[in-house]
Amino acid sequence: MDLRLTLDVRYTPNGVSKEELKENLEQLVVIAKGDALLTRDSEAEVEGLQYRVIEVAASHWDNDPDYPLEDWRHEIADDNTRQSYSDWVASQKEDADVG
């Protein structure tokens, strides 16, 4: 069985870097798995876990200047993606960070 948990966090960074905040969220996942917080006192076992920490737009109405809405519309029209605009932007940013 596969389940998905979505957690959006809005920070007031107060001088803390974006990288550190991302690392904190990644640690949250590691701790939750390691401390059995994902299964609690049940007999269930976590067989696999995938996660990614990405920066998203503050609002689904925001248009990212680096990844224009029109580009996303072309991707949709060409059947290259089925992602929402905000998920597509996040994926583009993630790919740019990896590349």
N, C-alpha and C. Protein backbone atom coordinates (compact mmCIF):
# COMPACT_ATOMS: atom_id res chain seq x y z
N MET A 1 0.84 -1.16 0.00
CA MET A 1 0.00 0.00 0.00
C MET A 1 0.89 1.23 0.00
N ASP A 2 0.56 2.18 -0.85
CA ASP A 2 1.28 3.45 -0.90
C ASP A 2 0.38 4.56 -0.38
N LEU A 3 0.93 5.39 0.46
CA LEU A 3 0.23 6.56 0.99
C LEU A 3 1.10 7.79 0.79
N ARG A 4 0.50 8.94 0.68
CA ARG A 4 1.25 10.18 0.52
C ARG A 4 0.86 11.16 1.60
N LEU A 5 1.86 11.78 2.19
CA LEU A 5 1.67 12.86 3.16
C LEU A 5 2.25 14.12 2.53
N THR A 6 1.47 15.16 2.46
CA THR A 6 1.95 16.44 1.96
C THR A 6 2.01 17.42 3.12
N LEU A 7 3.14 18.06 3.26
CA LEU A 7 3.34 19.01 4.35
C LEU A 7 3.93 20.28 3.75
N ASP A 8 3.19 21.36 3.79
CA ASP A 8 3.70 22.65 3.34
C ASP A 8 4.01 23.49 4.57
N VAL A 9 5.21 24.04 4.61
CA VAL A 9 5.64 24.84 5.76
C VAL A 9 6.00 26.24 5.26
N ARG A 10 5.43 27.25 5.89
CA ARG A 10 5.80 28.64 5.60
C ARG A 10 6.63 29.15 6.76
N TYR A 11 7.85 29.55 6.46
CA TYR A 11 8.78 30.03 7.47
C TYR A 11 8.91 31.54 7.45
N THR A 12 9.21 32.11 8.59
CA THR A 12 9.82 33.42 8.71
C THR A 12 11.26 33.10 9.07
N PRO A 13 12.19 33.20 8.13
CA PRO A 13 13.54 32.65 8.33
C PRO A 13 14.36 33.31 9.43
N ASN A 14 14.14 34.59 9.71
CA ASN A 14 14.91 35.27 10.76
C ASN A 14 16.41 35.03 10.64
N GLY A 15 16.91 35.09 9.40
CA GLY A 15 18.35 34.95 9.18
C GLY A 15 18.82 33.54 8.93
N VAL A 16 17.96 32.54 9.09
CA VAL A 16 18.35 31.15 8.84
C VAL A 16 18.31 30.92 7.33
N SER A 17 19.33 30.25 6.79
CA SER A 17 19.41 30.03 5.35
C SER A 17 18.35 29.04 4.86
N LYS A 18 18.00 29.18 3.60
CA LYS A 18 17.06 28.25 2.97
C LYS A 18 17.59 26.82 3.05
N GLU A 19 18.89 26.65 2.85
CA GLU A 19 19.49 25.32 2.89
C GLU A 19 19.33 24.67 4.26
N GLU A 20 19.54 25.46 5.32
CA GLU A 20 19.39 24.92 6.67
C GLU A 20 17.94 24.52 6.95
N LEU A 21 17.02 25.34 6.50
CA LEU A 21 15.60 25.01 6.71
C LEU A 21 15.22 23.74 5.96
N LYS A 22 15.74 23.57 4.74
CA LYS A 22 15.50 22.34 3.98
C LYS A 22 16.08 21.13 4.71
N GLU A 23 17.30 21.28 5.23
CA GLU A 23 17.93 20.19 5.98
C GLU A 23 17.10 19.82 7.21
N ASN A 24 16.53 20.81 7.87
CA ASN A 24 15.69 20.54 9.04
C ASN A 24 14.49 19.69 8.66
N LEU A 25 13.86 19.99 7.52
CA LEU A 25 12.71 19.20 7.09
C LEU A 25 13.14 17.78 6.69
N GLU A 26 14.30 17.66 6.06
CA GLU A 26 14.81 16.33 5.72
C GLU A 26 15.06 15.51 6.98
N GLN A 27 15.60 16.14 8.00
CA GLN A 27 15.84 15.45 9.27
C GLN A 27 14.54 15.01 9.92
N LEU A 28 13.51 15.80 9.76
CA LEU A 28 12.20 15.43 10.29
C LEU A 28 11.76 14.08 9.73
N VAL A 29 11.95 13.87 8.43
CA VAL A 29 11.58 12.61 7.80
C VAL A 29 12.44 11.47 8.32
N VAL A 30 13.73 11.69 8.41
CA VAL A 30 14.66 10.65 8.89
C VAL A 30 14.31 10.25 10.32
N ILE A 31 14.05 11.22 11.16
CA ILE A 31 13.70 10.94 12.56
C ILE A 31 12.36 10.21 12.65
N ALA A 32 11.39 10.66 11.85
CA ALA A 32 10.07 10.01 11.88
C ALA A 32 10.17 8.55 11.50
N LYS A 33 10.99 8.22 10.51
CA LYS A 33 11.15 6.82 10.10
C LYS A 33 11.95 6.05 11.15
N GLY A 34 13.03 6.63 11.62
CA GLY A 34 13.90 5.95 12.57
C GLY A 34 13.26 5.71 13.92
N ASP A 35 12.41 6.60 14.34
CA ASP A 35 11.74 6.48 15.64
C ASP A 35 10.37 5.83 15.54
N ALA A 36 10.08 5.21 14.39
CA ALA A 36 8.83 4.50 14.17
C ALA A 36 7.59 5.39 14.31
N LEU A 37 7.76 6.67 14.04
CA LEU A 37 6.62 7.58 14.12
C LEU A 37 5.64 7.36 12.97
N LEU A 38 6.10 6.70 11.91
CA LEU A 38 5.24 6.45 10.75
C LEU A 38 4.37 5.22 10.94
N THR A 39 4.70 4.39 11.91
CA THR A 39 3.91 3.17 12.14
C THR A 39 3.32 3.12 13.54
N ARG A 40 3.85 3.97 14.42
CA ARG A 40 3.41 4.02 15.82
C ARG A 40 3.50 2.64 16.47
N ASP A 41 2.48 2.22 17.19
CA ASP A 41 2.52 0.95 17.91
C ASP A 41 1.89 -0.19 17.12
N SER A 42 1.77 -0.03 15.81
CA SER A 42 1.12 -1.05 15.00
C SER A 42 2.13 -2.09 14.50
N GLU A 43 1.62 -3.11 13.86
CA GLU A 43 2.47 -4.14 13.26
C GLU A 43 2.95 -3.74 11.87
N ALA A 44 2.48 -2.62 11.36
CA ALA A 44 2.87 -2.17 10.02
C ALA A 44 4.37 -1.87 9.97
N GLU A 45 4.94 -2.07 8.79
CA GLU A 45 6.35 -1.78 8.57
C GLU A 45 6.49 -0.85 7.37
N VAL A 46 7.43 0.05 7.43
CA VAL A 46 7.72 0.93 6.30
C VAL A 46 8.69 0.19 5.39
N GLU A 47 8.22 -0.16 4.19
CA GLU A 47 9.05 -0.89 3.23
C GLU A 47 9.87 0.05 2.36
N GLY A 48 9.36 1.22 2.12
CA GLY A 48 10.06 2.19 1.29
C GLY A 48 9.61 3.59 1.65
N LEU A 49 10.47 4.53 1.40
CA LEU A 49 10.15 5.91 1.73
C LEU A 49 10.86 6.81 0.72
N GLN A 50 10.09 7.63 0.05
CA GLN A 50 10.65 8.61 -0.87
C GLN A 50 10.19 9.98 -0.41
N TYR A 51 11.07 10.92 -0.47
CA TYR A 51 10.69 12.29 -0.10
C TYR A 51 11.60 13.26 -0.81
N ARG A 52 11.12 14.46 -0.93
CA ARG A 52 11.93 15.56 -1.45
C ARG A 52 11.49 16.83 -0.77
N VAL A 53 12.43 17.67 -0.49
CA VAL A 53 12.14 18.96 0.11
C VAL A 53 12.40 19.99 -0.98
N ILE A 54 11.36 20.72 -1.34
CA ILE A 54 11.46 21.67 -2.44
C ILE A 54 10.85 23.01 -2.02
N GLU A 55 11.28 24.05 -2.68
CA GLU A 55 10.70 25.37 -2.45
C GLU A 55 9.52 25.53 -3.39
N VAL A 56 8.42 25.99 -2.87
CA VAL A 56 7.22 26.18 -3.68
C VAL A 56 6.79 27.64 -3.61
N ALA A 57 5.93 28.02 -4.52
CA ALA A 57 5.40 29.38 -4.54
C ALA A 57 4.57 29.63 -3.28
N ALA A 58 4.55 30.86 -2.84
CA ALA A 58 3.78 31.20 -1.65
C ALA A 58 2.29 31.02 -1.87
N SER A 59 1.86 31.16 -3.11
CA SER A 59 0.44 31.01 -3.44
C SER A 59 0.33 30.32 -4.79
N HIS A 60 -0.73 29.55 -4.98
CA HIS A 60 -0.90 28.90 -6.28
C HIS A 60 -1.22 29.90 -7.37
N TRP A 61 -1.44 31.16 -7.01
CA TRP A 61 -1.68 32.21 -8.01
C TRP A 61 -0.38 32.89 -8.42
N ASP A 62 0.72 32.64 -7.72
CA ASP A 62 2.00 33.26 -8.04
C ASP A 62 2.53 32.72 -9.36
N ASN A 63 3.17 33.60 -10.12
CA ASN A 63 3.82 33.22 -11.37
C ASN A 63 5.32 33.37 -11.17
N ASP A 64 6.06 32.29 -11.28
CA ASP A 64 7.50 32.32 -11.09
C ASP A 64 8.16 32.93 -12.32
N PRO A 65 8.94 34.00 -12.15
CA PRO A 65 9.55 34.67 -13.32
C PRO A 65 10.55 33.79 -14.07
N ASP A 66 11.17 32.84 -13.39
CA ASP A 66 12.12 31.95 -14.06
C ASP A 66 11.44 30.83 -14.83
N TYR A 67 10.20 30.53 -14.47
CA TYR A 67 9.45 29.45 -15.11
C TYR A 67 8.04 29.96 -15.40
N PRO A 68 7.89 30.73 -16.48
CA PRO A 68 6.62 31.40 -16.77
C PRO A 68 5.45 30.43 -16.96
N LEU A 69 4.31 30.91 -16.60
CA LEU A 69 3.08 30.15 -16.74
C LEU A 69 2.88 29.69 -18.18
N GLU A 70 3.25 30.53 -19.12
CA GLU A 70 3.09 30.17 -20.54
C GLU A 70 3.92 28.94 -20.91
N ASP A 71 5.13 28.80 -20.33
CA ASP A 71 5.95 27.62 -20.59
C ASP A 71 5.27 26.36 -20.08
N TRP A 72 4.68 26.47 -18.90
CA TRP A 72 3.95 25.33 -18.33
C TRP A 72 2.77 24.96 -19.21
N ARG A 73 2.06 25.97 -19.71
CA ARG A 73 0.91 25.71 -20.58
C ARG A 73 1.34 24.96 -21.84
N HIS A 74 2.50 25.31 -22.38
CA HIS A 74 3.02 24.58 -23.55
C HIS A 74 3.34 23.13 -23.19
N GLU A 75 3.91 22.94 -22.01
CA GLU A 75 4.22 21.58 -21.55
C GLU A 75 2.94 20.75 -21.42
N ILE A 76 1.88 21.37 -20.90
CA ILE A 76 0.58 20.69 -20.78
C ILE A 76 0.04 20.37 -22.16
N ALA A 77 0.05 21.37 -23.06
CA ALA A 77 -0.51 21.19 -24.41
C ALA A 77 0.24 20.11 -25.18
N ASP A 78 1.56 20.02 -24.96
CA ASP A 78 2.37 19.00 -25.64
C ASP A 78 2.34 17.65 -24.93
N ASP A 79 1.55 17.56 -23.86
CA ASP A 79 1.42 16.33 -23.06
C ASP A 79 2.76 15.89 -22.47
N ASN A 80 3.58 16.89 -22.09
CA ASN A 80 4.87 16.59 -21.46
C ASN A 80 4.79 16.56 -19.95
N THR A 81 3.70 17.05 -19.40
CA THR A 81 3.52 17.02 -17.95
C THR A 81 2.03 16.98 -17.62
N ARG A 82 1.74 16.44 -16.46
CA ARG A 82 0.39 16.47 -15.91
C ARG A 82 0.41 17.11 -14.53
N GLN A 83 1.55 17.72 -14.22
CA GLN A 83 1.71 18.36 -12.92
C GLN A 83 0.97 19.68 -12.87
N SER A 84 0.58 20.07 -11.65
CA SER A 84 0.06 21.41 -11.46
C SER A 84 1.19 22.40 -11.74
N TYR A 85 0.84 23.66 -11.94
CA TYR A 85 1.87 24.66 -12.22
C TYR A 85 2.90 24.72 -11.09
N SER A 86 2.43 24.77 -9.84
CA SER A 86 3.39 24.89 -8.72
C SER A 86 4.27 23.65 -8.61
N ASP A 87 3.73 22.46 -8.84
CA ASP A 87 4.55 21.25 -8.82
C ASP A 87 5.54 21.23 -9.97
N TRP A 88 5.10 21.71 -11.14
CA TRP A 88 5.99 21.78 -12.30
C TRP A 88 7.15 22.72 -12.03
N VAL A 89 6.87 23.91 -11.46
CA VAL A 89 7.92 24.87 -11.12
C VAL A 89 8.89 24.24 -10.13
N ALA A 90 8.36 23.56 -9.11
CA ALA A 90 9.23 22.92 -8.12
C ALA A 90 10.12 21.88 -8.78
N SER A 91 9.55 21.09 -9.70
CA SER A 91 10.35 20.08 -10.41
C SER A 91 11.43 20.73 -11.27
N GLN A 92 11.08 21.82 -11.93
CA GLN A 92 12.06 22.53 -12.74
C GLN A 92 13.22 23.05 -11.88
N LYS A 93 12.88 23.60 -10.73
CA LYS A 93 13.92 24.10 -9.83
C LYS A 93 14.78 22.96 -9.30
N GLU A 94 14.14 21.85 -8.97
CA GLU A 94 14.88 20.69 -8.48
C GLU A 94 15.82 20.17 -9.56
N ASP A 95 15.34 20.07 -10.79
CA ASP A 95 16.19 19.62 -11.91
C ASP A 95 17.35 20.57 -12.14
N ALA A 96 17.12 21.88 -12.00
CA ALA A 96 18.17 22.86 -12.18
C ALA A 96 19.23 22.73 -11.09
N ASP A 97 18.79 22.41 -9.85
CA ASP A 97 19.74 22.23 -8.75
C ASP A 97 20.60 20.98 -8.96
N VAL A 98 20.00 19.93 -9.51
CA VAL A 98 20.72 18.67 -9.74
C VAL A 98 21.66 18.81 -10.92
N GLY A 99 21.21 19.50 -11.98
CA GLY A 99 21.98 19.64 -13.22
C GLY A 99 23.06 20.61 -13.08
